[in-house]
Structure formats: C-alpha cells, structure tokens
C-alpha cells in the first residue's frame, strides 16, 4: 500500500509536494514533543537556532519530495537538478582512483545520487530497513541505471572497495550513526557523536580522493542546486582525529544552508553495546 501511495503522489508537481511538506513539517513539530525537542535542541546547539522555523518546513519538504524523487520518471526528475561543479568532479574522476563522496543529511541527498548516476556509475552505502513494508521503497524505488546499493555491513564495505578499485565513485552519509565497532566518539557541533571511521579507511585502502557534496532545495519547487567541493582538511593519523576532521567538514557544509539539515535525526544516540564517553550527554536509542 505504501508503494502505491508513493506512486500516486509522484504524479503531483514538486511545487505542490513541497507545499504539502510545509504543512506536514509543522504538523509533526507541533504534535510530537520528542521530535520537537530533538529538532530544537540540535539546531540550537549548532548555533543555527535563528533558522528554526525554516528548518521545520524544510524537514516536511524532505519527506514529501521522496515520492517524486523515488517514483517519478527520470525525465521529470533529472531536469530539476543543476550544478556548476561538474567540470571539477569530472577532473577528479579522470585521475582514475574513483571518488569517495561524503554527503550529510543536508538538502535532498536522494536527487544527488540519481543525478550523478545519470552520468557515471555510482555505488552508495545504505542501511537496510528493519520493516519489510519499507523495503520496496528504500531499495527497489531507489534503483536506477548506474546506481548500485551496498548494505551497511561487511559485505557492503567490500562492494564499495571493489567499486573504488575499478575507478568508480561511491557515496556515504558520514553523519549516519554506525553500529558498535564501526565508529569512534568525535565532537559534532560541540557534543560527542558516535562517528563512522569508514571514510578514512576507504581513503587509505584505495587512494580515492574525498569530495563533499549536497543538493540544495530551491524555493517554490524550482528544483535543486548540486554542490561539490574537494575535502581540504587534514584527516590526521588516528581514527578519532579522522572522525573529527570529517565532522568538521560536515559542520562547514551544513552552515551553507543550515535550515535544510535533518536536525531531528538522533545524531547523538548511543548504539547498542557502545560505551558512552565520560563527558557525553548522548541519548540512548
């Protein structure tokens, strides 16, 4: 039923879906105290509290645009994505080492993957849904030509590494909370967050450069502007230094349009089996 609903909604114009999303964002914010508290706390901690109202509406748009992005025909979706940074990306690809794209939960990261896959093969890491009813949406609806999915487990990491060794790019959401043993504690907007160590490991094993990316949602359903920039920080030597360097890069990227970050995500939760840092106020899931 959920798949059919998404397919039905996908026929609506993006502008209308974003209008519905604005209403949905406020409805959820007002109706769910836990959601409201987390969104407000996270955006305030990051120093972007002045964008709270805009963030509420953008969160709703993020949900309501998914039927369009996942289920509408590519001829309707892809023309809405634009970028002035393709030459830089192509230049990195021409080096033959692949690319490790790091994209936070910022803007419409789903359109980013589809747009790139329309030009080059791309493999993205994803977390398989726990509920079977969501599997057709998360997996089947995301499937596109040149776009491969790698599950967030050891088998998926092997898939990513093989793609890099073929000189193909991969995509990761570095602000996604990893499982026990797959991350370290590193500050994210001034608070310890369990952070994946995979980007630096893949960089060391493949020599692939890291490129930061996000897709900014344009007003009134006008589409998306895709941004790409080389990672210019020093990763450091230890997993903790590397995780902090990645988090710092994500903080700078988010500051470019903080209202479009997914602040309601429980970024500071403590995964099962992970010991909290001594000074942490992180939340149990």
C-alpha atoms as a PDB file:
ATOM      1  CA  UNK A   1       0.000   0.000   0.000  1.00  0.00           C
ATOM      2  CA  UNK A   2       2.817   2.421   0.850  1.00  0.00           C
ATOM      3  CA  UNK A   3       4.436   1.897  -2.537  1.00  0.00           C
ATOM      4  CA  UNK A   4       1.127   2.580  -4.282  1.00  0.00           C
ATOM      5  CA  UNK A   5       0.672   5.763  -2.256  1.00  0.00           C
ATOM      6  CA  UNK A   6       4.142   6.984  -3.215  1.00  0.00           C
ATOM      7  CA  UNK A   7       3.467   6.218  -6.878  1.00  0.00           C
ATOM      8  CA  UNK A   8       0.219   8.142  -6.717  1.00  0.00           C
ATOM      9  CA  UNK A   9       1.853  11.141  -5.061  1.00  0.00           C
ATOM     10  CA  UNK A  10       4.693  11.070  -7.592  1.00  0.00           C
ATOM     11  CA  UNK A  11       2.304  12.392 -10.248  1.00  0.00           C
ATOM     12  CA  UNK A  12       1.928  15.675  -8.370  1.00  0.00           C
ATOM     13  CA  UNK A  13       4.193  18.610  -9.247  1.00  0.00           C
ATOM     14  CA  UNK A  14       7.187  19.046  -6.963  1.00  0.00           C
ATOM     15  CA  UNK A  15       5.945  22.516  -6.017  1.00  0.00           C
ATOM     16  CA  UNK A  16       2.697  21.021  -4.688  1.00  0.00           C
ATOM     17  CA  UNK A  17       4.514  18.286  -2.791  1.00  0.00           C
ATOM     18  CA  UNK A  18       6.737  20.893  -1.150  1.00  0.00           C
ATOM     19  CA  UNK A  19       3.650  22.885  -0.152  1.00  0.00           C
ATOM     20  CA  UNK A  20       2.185  19.769   1.439  1.00  0.00           C
ATOM     21  CA  UNK A  21       5.536  19.164   3.080  1.00  0.00           C
ATOM     22  CA  UNK A  22       5.479  22.582   4.699  1.00  0.00           C
ATOM     23  CA  UNK A  23       2.176  21.712   6.360  1.00  0.00           C
ATOM     24  CA  UNK A  24       3.439  18.269   7.327  1.00  0.00           C
ATOM     25  CA  UNK A  25       6.582  19.699   8.881  1.00  0.00           C
ATOM     26  CA  UNK A  26       4.623  21.969  11.200  1.00  0.00           C
ATOM     27  CA  UNK A  27       2.053  19.295  11.988  1.00  0.00           C
ATOM     28  CA  UNK A  28       4.682  16.819  13.150  1.00  0.00           C
ATOM     29  CA  UNK A  29       6.618  19.502  15.031  1.00  0.00           C
ATOM     30  CA  UNK A  30       3.550  20.597  16.988  1.00  0.00           C
ATOM     31  CA  UNK A  31       2.142  17.113  17.568  1.00  0.00           C
ATOM     32  CA  UNK A  32       5.267  15.193  18.626  1.00  0.00           C
ATOM     33  CA  UNK A  33       7.051  16.515  21.752  1.00  0.00           C
ATOM     34  CA  UNK A  34      10.061  14.210  21.332  1.00  0.00           C
ATOM     35  CA  UNK A  35      10.573  15.233  17.711  1.00  0.00           C
ATOM     36  CA  UNK A  36      10.106  18.903  18.615  1.00  0.00           C
ATOM     37  CA  UNK A  37      12.602  18.749  21.479  1.00  0.00           C
ATOM     38  CA  UNK A  38      15.290  16.980  19.444  1.00  0.00           C
ATOM     39  CA  UNK A  39      14.985  19.266  16.419  1.00  0.00           C
ATOM     40  CA  UNK A  40      15.063  22.407  18.551  1.00  0.00           C
ATOM     41  CA  UNK A  41      17.915  21.201  20.769  1.00  0.00           C
ATOM     42  CA  UNK A  42      20.092  20.099  17.860  1.00  0.00           C
ATOM     43  CA  UNK A  43      19.714  23.224  15.755  1.00  0.00           C
ATOM     44  CA  UNK A  44      20.234  25.477  18.783  1.00  0.00           C
ATOM     45  CA  UNK A  45      23.353  23.573  19.888  1.00  0.00           C
ATOM     46  CA  UNK A  46      24.808  24.017  16.414  1.00  0.00           C
ATOM     47  CA  UNK A  47      24.327  27.785  16.593  1.00  0.00           C
ATOM     48  CA  UNK A  48      21.648  27.920  13.905  1.00  0.00           C
ATOM     49  CA  UNK A  49      18.609  28.458  16.132  1.00  0.00           C
ATOM     50  CA  UNK A  50      17.574  31.507  14.111  1.00  0.00           C
ATOM     51  CA  UNK A  51      16.709  29.108  11.256  1.00  0.00           C
ATOM     52  CA  UNK A  52      14.334  27.000  13.370  1.00  0.00           C
ATOM     53  CA  UNK A  53      11.104  27.920  11.584  1.00  0.00           C
ATOM     54  CA  UNK A  54      12.661  27.381   8.170  1.00  0.00           C
ATOM     55  CA  UNK A  55      14.086  24.041   9.337  1.00  0.00           C
ATOM     56  CA  UNK A  56      10.617  22.868  10.392  1.00  0.00           C
ATOM     57  CA  UNK A  57       9.219  23.459   6.915  1.00  0.00           C
ATOM     58  CA  UNK A  58      12.270  22.024   5.150  1.00  0.00           C
ATOM     59  CA  UNK A  59      12.014  18.825   7.200  1.00  0.00           C
ATOM     60  CA  UNK A  60       8.489  18.324   5.909  1.00  0.00           C
ATOM     61  CA  UNK A  61       9.572  19.023   2.335  1.00  0.00           C
ATOM     62  CA  UNK A  62      12.305  16.423   2.745  1.00  0.00           C
ATOM     63  CA  UNK A  63       9.653  13.765   3.371  1.00  0.00           C
ATOM     64  CA  UNK A  64       7.058  14.841   0.832  1.00  0.00           C
ATOM     65  CA  UNK A  65       9.522  15.111  -2.051  1.00  0.00           C
ATOM     66  CA  UNK A  66      10.502  11.443  -1.747  1.00  0.00           C
ATOM     67  CA  UNK A  67       7.563  10.101  -3.800  1.00  0.00           C
ATOM     68  CA  UNK A  68       8.615  12.388  -6.638  1.00  0.00           C
ATOM     69  CA  UNK A  69      12.341  11.614  -6.357  1.00  0.00           C
ATOM     70  CA  UNK A  70      11.902   7.850  -5.971  1.00  0.00           C
ATOM     71  CA  UNK A  71       8.875   7.094  -8.133  1.00  0.00           C
ATOM     72  CA  UNK A  72       8.502   9.750 -10.843  1.00  0.00           C
ATOM     73  CA  UNK A  73      10.010   9.030 -14.238  1.00  0.00           C
ATOM     74  CA  UNK A  74      13.642  10.186 -14.624  1.00  0.00           C
ATOM     75  CA  UNK A  75      12.571  12.524 -17.451  1.00  0.00           C
ATOM     76  CA  UNK A  76      10.650  14.549 -14.857  1.00  0.00           C
ATOM     77  CA  UNK A  77      13.173  14.329 -12.030  1.00  0.00           C
ATOM     78  CA  UNK A  78      16.619  14.809 -13.572  1.00  0.00           C
ATOM     79  CA  UNK A  79      15.990  18.132 -15.382  1.00  0.00           C
ATOM     80  CA  UNK A  80      15.290  19.728 -11.999  1.00  0.00           C
ATOM     81  CA  UNK A  81      18.876  19.160 -10.788  1.00  0.00           C
ATOM     82  CA  UNK A  82      21.572  21.625 -11.855  1.00  0.00           C
ATOM     83  CA  UNK A  83      25.241  22.079 -10.985  1.00  0.00           C
ATOM     84  CA  UNK A  84      28.132  24.317 -11.996  1.00  0.00           C
ATOM     85  CA  UNK A  85      30.624  21.946 -10.381  1.00  0.00           C
ATOM     86  CA  UNK A  86      30.561  19.028 -12.861  1.00  0.00           C
ATOM     87  CA  UNK A  87      33.882  20.000 -14.502  1.00  0.00           C
ATOM     88  CA  UNK A  88      35.654  19.758 -11.139  1.00  0.00           C
ATOM     89  CA  UNK A  89      34.099  16.361 -10.447  1.00  0.00           C
ATOM     90  CA  UNK A  90      34.981  15.081 -13.916  1.00  0.00           C
ATOM     91  CA  UNK A  91      38.559  16.216 -13.420  1.00  0.00           C
ATOM     92  CA  UNK A  92      38.795  14.171 -10.221  1.00  0.00           C
ATOM     93  CA  UNK A  93      37.254  11.145 -11.940  1.00  0.00           C
ATOM     94  CA  UNK A  94      39.754  11.402 -14.780  1.00  0.00           C
ATOM     95  CA  UNK A  95      42.526  10.681 -12.280  1.00  0.00           C
ATOM     96  CA  UNK A  96      41.275   7.085 -12.240  1.00  0.00           C
ATOM     97  CA  UNK A  97      41.096   6.500  -8.469  1.00  0.00           C
ATOM     98  CA  UNK A  98      37.346   6.858  -8.056  1.00  0.00           C
ATOM     99  CA  UNK A  99      35.798   9.287  -5.583  1.00  0.00           C
ATOM    100  CA  UNK A 100      34.533   8.981  -2.014  1.00  0.00           C
ATOM    101  CA  UNK A 101      31.538  11.316  -1.917  1.00  0.00           C
ATOM    102  CA  UNK A 102      30.585  12.424   1.600  1.00  0.00           C
ATOM    103  CA  UNK A 103      27.068  13.809   1.859  1.00  0.00           C
ATOM    104  CA  UNK A 104      25.419  14.699   5.186  1.00  0.00           C
ATOM    105  CA  UNK A 105      21.656  14.611   5.746  1.00  0.00           C
ATOM    106  CA  UNK A 106      21.521  18.001   4.056  1.00  0.00           C
ATOM    107  CA  UNK A 107      19.058  19.087   1.389  1.00  0.00           C
ATOM    108  CA  UNK A 108      17.886  16.364  -0.985  1.00  0.00           C
ATOM    109  CA  UNK A 109      20.659  13.774  -0.915  1.00  0.00           C
ATOM    110  CA  UNK A 110      18.484  11.360  -2.919  1.00  0.00           C
ATOM    111  CA  UNK A 111      18.472  13.580  -6.023  1.00  0.00           C
ATOM    112  CA  UNK A 112      22.228  13.928  -5.695  1.00  0.00           C
ATOM    113  CA  UNK A 113      22.791  10.192  -6.209  1.00  0.00           C
ATOM    114  CA  UNK A 114      20.335   9.944  -9.088  1.00  0.00           C
ATOM    115  CA  UNK A 115      21.790  12.933 -10.899  1.00  0.00           C
ATOM    116  CA  UNK A 116      25.315  11.639 -10.660  1.00  0.00           C
ATOM    117  CA  UNK A 117      24.293   8.117 -11.722  1.00  0.00           C
ATOM    118  CA  UNK A 118      22.783   9.605 -14.879  1.00  0.00           C
ATOM    119  CA  UNK A 119      26.370  10.433 -15.894  1.00  0.00           C
ATOM    120  CA  UNK A 120      28.565   7.800 -14.227  1.00  0.00           C
ATOM    121  CA  UNK A 121      28.193   4.520 -12.303  1.00  0.00           C
ATOM    122  CA  UNK A 122      27.785   5.138  -8.568  1.00  0.00           C
ATOM    123  CA  UNK A 123      27.580   2.841  -5.549  1.00  0.00           C
ATOM    124  CA  UNK A 124      26.022   4.199  -2.358  1.00  0.00           C
ATOM    125  CA  UNK A 125      26.028   2.798   1.163  1.00  0.00           C
ATOM    126  CA  UNK A 126      22.589   2.393   2.731  1.00  0.00           C
ATOM    127  CA  UNK A 127      21.090   0.882   5.850  1.00  0.00           C
ATOM    128  CA  UNK A 128      18.536  -1.866   5.043  1.00  0.00           C
ATOM    129  CA  UNK A 129      15.131  -1.067   6.590  1.00  0.00           C
ATOM    130  CA  UNK A 130      14.035  -3.040   9.629  1.00  0.00           C
ATOM    131  CA  UNK A 131      10.418  -3.175   8.473  1.00  0.00           C
ATOM    132  CA  UNK A 132       9.694  -5.348   5.452  1.00  0.00           C
ATOM    133  CA  UNK A 133       6.999  -2.931   4.249  1.00  0.00           C
ATOM    134  CA  UNK A 134       9.654  -0.268   3.682  1.00  0.00           C
ATOM    135  CA  UNK A 135      11.982  -2.474   1.654  1.00  0.00           C
ATOM    136  CA  UNK A 136      10.351  -1.813  -1.752  1.00  0.00           C
ATOM    137  CA  UNK A 137      10.685   1.924  -1.151  1.00  0.00           C
ATOM    138  CA  UNK A 138      14.164   2.028   0.291  1.00  0.00           C
ATOM    139  CA  UNK A 139      15.649  -0.499  -2.116  1.00  0.00           C
ATOM    140  CA  UNK A 140      13.519  -1.059  -5.221  1.00  0.00           C
ATOM    141  CA  UNK A 141      12.307   2.521  -5.669  1.00  0.00           C
ATOM    142  CA  UNK A 142      15.864   3.825  -5.347  1.00  0.00           C
ATOM    143  CA  UNK A 143      17.152   1.540  -8.086  1.00  0.00           C
ATOM    144  CA  UNK A 144      18.233   3.420 -11.190  1.00  0.00           C
ATOM    145  CA  UNK A 145      20.536   2.736 -14.105  1.00  0.00           C
ATOM    146  CA  UNK A 146      24.169   3.037 -12.964  1.00  0.00           C
ATOM    147  CA  UNK A 147      23.089   3.361  -9.307  1.00  0.00           C
ATOM    148  CA  UNK A 148      24.031   0.392  -7.100  1.00  0.00           C
ATOM    149  CA  UNK A 149      23.275  -0.065  -3.398  1.00  0.00           C
ATOM    150  CA  UNK A 150      25.689  -1.505  -0.839  1.00  0.00           C
ATOM    151  CA  UNK A 151      24.253  -2.544   2.554  1.00  0.00           C
ATOM    152  CA  UNK A 152      25.854  -1.096   5.681  1.00  0.00           C
ATOM    153  CA  UNK A 153      27.698  -4.268   6.684  1.00  0.00           C
ATOM    154  CA  UNK A 154      30.970  -6.032   5.890  1.00  0.00           C
ATOM    155  CA  UNK A 155      29.678  -7.282   2.552  1.00  0.00           C
ATOM    156  CA  UNK A 156      28.666  -3.758   1.633  1.00  0.00           C
ATOM    157  CA  UNK A 157      32.117  -2.404   2.504  1.00  0.00           C
ATOM    158  CA  UNK A 158      33.652  -4.962   0.151  1.00  0.00           C
ATOM    159  CA  UNK A 159      31.292  -3.771  -2.586  1.00  0.00           C
ATOM    160  CA  UNK A 160      32.374  -0.172  -2.003  1.00  0.00           C
ATOM    161  CA  UNK A 161      36.066  -1.045  -2.095  1.00  0.00           C
ATOM    162  CA  UNK A 162      35.689  -3.021  -5.315  1.00  0.00           C
ATOM    163  CA  UNK A 163      33.939  -0.065  -6.938  1.00  0.00           C
ATOM    164  CA  UNK A 164      36.778   2.259  -5.924  1.00  0.00           C
ATOM    165  CA  UNK A 165      39.391  -0.124  -7.279  1.00  0.00           C
ATOM    166  CA  UNK A 166      37.525  -0.071 -10.609  1.00  0.00           C
ATOM    167  CA  UNK A 167      37.916   3.688 -10.572  1.00  0.00           C
ATOM    168  CA  UNK A 168      34.231   4.272  -9.820  1.00  0.00           C
ATOM    169  CA  UNK A 169      32.817   6.708  -7.238  1.00  0.00           C
ATOM    170  CA  UNK A 170      30.946   5.762  -4.095  1.00  0.00           C
ATOM    171  CA  UNK A 171      28.680   7.712  -1.742  1.00  0.00           C
ATOM    172  CA  UNK A 172      28.404   7.741   2.062  1.00  0.00           C
ATOM    173  CA  UNK A 173      26.315   9.585   4.641  1.00  0.00           C
ATOM    174  CA  UNK A 174      29.087  10.256   7.194  1.00  0.00           C
ATOM    175  CA  UNK A 175      26.691  11.651   9.809  1.00  0.00           C
ATOM    176  CA  UNK A 176      24.754   8.387   9.968  1.00  0.00           C
ATOM    177  CA  UNK A 177      25.272   6.696  13.345  1.00  0.00           C
ATOM    178  CA  UNK A 178      27.261   3.469  12.815  1.00  0.00           C
ATOM    179  CA  UNK A 179      26.923   0.247  14.761  1.00  0.00           C
ATOM    180  CA  UNK A 180      29.150  -0.918  17.596  1.00  0.00           C
ATOM    181  CA  UNK A 181      32.760  -1.312  16.491  1.00  0.00           C
ATOM    182  CA  UNK A 182      32.299   0.756  13.327  1.00  0.00           C
ATOM    183  CA  UNK A 183      32.875   4.183  14.828  1.00  0.00           C
ATOM    184  CA  UNK A 184      34.542   6.342  17.456  1.00  0.00           C
ATOM    185  CA  UNK A 185      33.395   9.274  19.565  1.00  0.00           C
ATOM    186  CA  UNK A 186      34.118  12.651  17.987  1.00  0.00           C
ATOM    187  CA  UNK A 187      32.621  16.098  18.555  1.00  0.00           C
ATOM    188  CA  UNK A 188      29.850  17.184  16.216  1.00  0.00           C
ATOM    189  CA  UNK A 189      28.731  20.747  16.881  1.00  0.00           C
ATOM    190  CA  UNK A 190      30.377  20.609  20.289  1.00  0.00           C
ATOM    191  CA  UNK A 191      28.888  17.340  21.534  1.00  0.00           C
ATOM    192  CA  UNK A 192      30.338  13.814  21.264  1.00  0.00           C
ATOM    193  CA  UNK A 193      28.691  11.827  18.478  1.00  0.00           C
ATOM    194  CA  UNK A 194      29.458   8.231  17.565  1.00  0.00           C
ATOM    195  CA  UNK A 195      31.020   8.719  14.127  1.00  0.00           C
ATOM    196  CA  UNK A 196      31.865   6.219  11.398  1.00  0.00           C
ATOM    197  CA  UNK A 197      35.526   5.587  10.608  1.00  0.00           C
ATOM    198  CA  UNK A 198      34.797   4.116   7.177  1.00  0.00           C
ATOM    199  CA  UNK A 199      35.574   7.193   5.003  1.00  0.00           C
ATOM    200  CA  UNK A 200      39.181   7.408   6.183  1.00  0.00           C
ATOM    201  CA  UNK A 201      39.660   3.627   5.941  1.00  0.00           C
ATOM    202  CA  UNK A 202      38.418   3.576   2.354  1.00  0.00           C
ATOM    203  CA  UNK A 203      40.655   6.535   1.566  1.00  0.00           C
ATOM    204  CA  UNK A 204      43.685   4.688   2.926  1.00  0.00           C
ATOM    205  CA  UNK A 205      42.862   1.431   1.113  1.00  0.00           C
ATOM    206  CA  UNK A 206      42.094   2.945  -2.277  1.00  0.00           C
ATOM    207  CA  UNK A 207      43.855   6.308  -2.677  1.00  0.00           C
ATOM    208  CA  UNK A 208      40.497   7.693  -3.802  1.00  0.00           C
ATOM    209  CA  UNK A 209      40.061  11.405  -3.035  1.00  0.00           C
ATOM    210  CA  UNK A 210      37.225  12.641  -0.832  1.00  0.00           C
ATOM    211  CA  UNK A 211      34.701  15.064  -2.310  1.00  0.00           C
ATOM    212  CA  UNK A 212      31.989  16.795  -0.274  1.00  0.00           C
ATOM    213  CA  UNK A 213      28.551  17.054  -1.852  1.00  0.00           C
ATOM    214  CA  UNK A 214      24.991  18.151  -1.164  1.00  0.00           C
ATOM    215  CA  UNK A 215      21.883  19.223  -3.079  1.00  0.00           C
ATOM    216  CA  UNK A 216      20.199  22.462  -2.006  1.00  0.00           C
ATOM    217  CA  UNK A 217      16.420  22.537  -2.309  1.00  0.00           C
ATOM    218  CA  UNK A 218      15.338  25.628  -4.275  1.00  0.00           C
ATOM    219  CA  UNK A 219      12.264  27.694  -3.294  1.00  0.00           C
ATOM    220  CA  UNK A 220       8.773  27.056  -4.694  1.00  0.00           C
ATOM    221  CA  UNK A 221       9.616  23.635  -6.115  1.00  0.00           C
ATOM    222  CA  UNK A 222      12.035  25.086  -8.680  1.00  0.00           C
ATOM    223  CA  UNK A 223      14.414  22.142  -8.335  1.00  0.00           C
ATOM    224  CA  UNK A 224      17.817  21.542  -6.782  1.00  0.00           C
ATOM    225  CA  UNK A 225      21.292  23.024  -6.983  1.00  0.00           C
ATOM    226  CA  UNK A 226      24.037  20.426  -6.622  1.00  0.00           C
ATOM    227  CA  UNK A 227      27.305  21.423  -4.942  1.00  0.00           C
ATOM    228  CA  UNK A 228      30.626  19.557  -4.983  1.00  0.00           C
ATOM    229  CA  UNK A 229      33.876  20.563  -3.282  1.00  0.00           C
ATOM    230  CA  UNK A 230      37.173  18.767  -2.575  1.00  0.00           C
ATOM    231  CA  UNK A 231      37.870  17.771   1.017  1.00  0.00           C
ATOM    232  CA  UNK A 232      40.657  20.126   2.043  1.00  0.00           C
ATOM    233  CA  UNK A 233      41.192  19.204   5.676  1.00  0.00           C
ATOM    234  CA  UNK A 234      43.909  17.038   7.208  1.00  0.00           C
ATOM    235  CA  UNK A 235      42.456  13.673   8.186  1.00  0.00           C
ATOM    236  CA  UNK A 236      45.131  13.043  10.793  1.00  0.00           C
ATOM    237  CA  UNK A 237      46.530   9.698  11.894  1.00  0.00           C
ATOM    238  CA  UNK A 238      44.172   8.227  14.496  1.00  0.00           C
ATOM    239  CA  UNK A 239      40.542   7.170  13.999  1.00  0.00           C
ATOM    240  CA  UNK A 240      39.480   9.873  16.464  1.00  0.00           C
ATOM    241  CA  UNK A 241      41.337  12.588  14.538  1.00  0.00           C
ATOM    242  CA  UNK A 242      39.925  11.341  11.248  1.00  0.00           C
ATOM    243  CA  UNK A 243      36.358  11.236  12.545  1.00  0.00           C
ATOM    244  CA  UNK A 244      36.661  14.745  13.960  1.00  0.00           C
ATOM    245  CA  UNK A 245      38.088  16.028  10.657  1.00  0.00           C
ATOM    246  CA  UNK A 246      35.122  14.582   8.762  1.00  0.00           C
ATOM    247  CA  UNK A 247      32.658  16.029  11.288  1.00  0.00           C
ATOM    248  CA  UNK A 248      34.305  19.447  10.998  1.00  0.00           C
ATOM    249  CA  UNK A 249      33.932  19.304   7.214  1.00  0.00           C
ATOM    250  CA  UNK A 250      30.256  18.384   7.608  1.00  0.00           C
ATOM    251  CA  UNK A 251      29.718  21.305  10.007  1.00  0.00           C
ATOM    252  CA  UNK A 252      31.088  23.744   7.427  1.00  0.00           C
ATOM    253  CA  UNK A 253      28.942  22.219   4.697  1.00  0.00           C
ATOM    254  CA  UNK A 254      25.793  22.369   6.842  1.00  0.00           C
ATOM    255  CA  UNK A 255      26.498  26.043   7.635  1.00  0.00           C
ATOM    256  CA  UNK A 256      25.931  26.845   3.945  1.00  0.00           C
ATOM    257  CA  UNK A 257      22.183  26.142   4.292  1.00  0.00           C
ATOM    258  CA  UNK A 258      21.516  25.039   7.895  1.00  0.00           C
ATOM    259  CA  UNK A 259      17.735  25.161   7.529  1.00  0.00           C
ATOM    260  CA  UNK A 260      17.940  22.155   5.189  1.00  0.00           C
ATOM    261  CA  UNK A 261      19.820  19.864   7.569  1.00  0.00           C
ATOM    262  CA  UNK A 262      17.814  16.995   9.079  1.00  0.00           C
ATOM    263  CA  UNK A 263      18.081  18.255  12.675  1.00  0.00           C
ATOM    264  CA  UNK A 264      15.506  15.813  14.011  1.00  0.00           C
ATOM    265  CA  UNK A 265      17.865  12.900  13.329  1.00  0.00           C
ATOM    266  CA  UNK A 266      19.076  11.341  16.589  1.00  0.00           C
ATOM    267  CA  UNK A 267      22.730  12.012  15.816  1.00  0.00           C
ATOM    268  CA  UNK A 268      23.838  11.737  19.439  1.00  0.00           C
ATOM    269  CA  UNK A 269      22.340   8.369  20.315  1.00  0.00           C
ATOM    270  CA  UNK A 270      24.478   5.632  21.860  1.00  0.00           C
ATOM    271  CA  UNK A 271      24.328   2.462  19.727  1.00  0.00           C
ATOM    272  CA  UNK A 272      23.746  -0.849  21.488  1.00  0.00           C
ATOM    273  CA  UNK A 273      26.949  -2.164  23.042  1.00  0.00           C
ATOM    274  CA  UNK A 274      28.830   1.146  22.784  1.00  0.00           C
ATOM    275  CA  UNK A 275      30.198   2.756  25.938  1.00  0.00           C
ATOM    276  CA  UNK A 276      29.402   6.443  26.215  1.00  0.00           C
ATOM    277  CA  UNK A 277      32.279   8.905  26.611  1.00  0.00           C
ATOM    278  CA  UNK A 278      32.768  10.178  30.148  1.00  0.00           C
ATOM    279  CA  UNK A 279      31.512  13.689  29.375  1.00  0.00           C
ATOM    280  CA  UNK A 280      28.762  12.642  26.984  1.00  0.00           C
ATOM    281  CA  UNK A 281      25.101  13.511  27.280  1.00  0.00           C
ATOM    282  CA  UNK A 282      24.345  11.368  24.256  1.00  0.00           C
ATOM    283  CA  UNK A 283      20.981   9.661  24.094  1.00  0.00           C
ATOM    284  CA  UNK A 284      20.172   6.000  24.224  1.00  0.00           C
ATOM    285  CA  UNK A 285      18.072   4.919  21.209  1.00  0.00           C
END
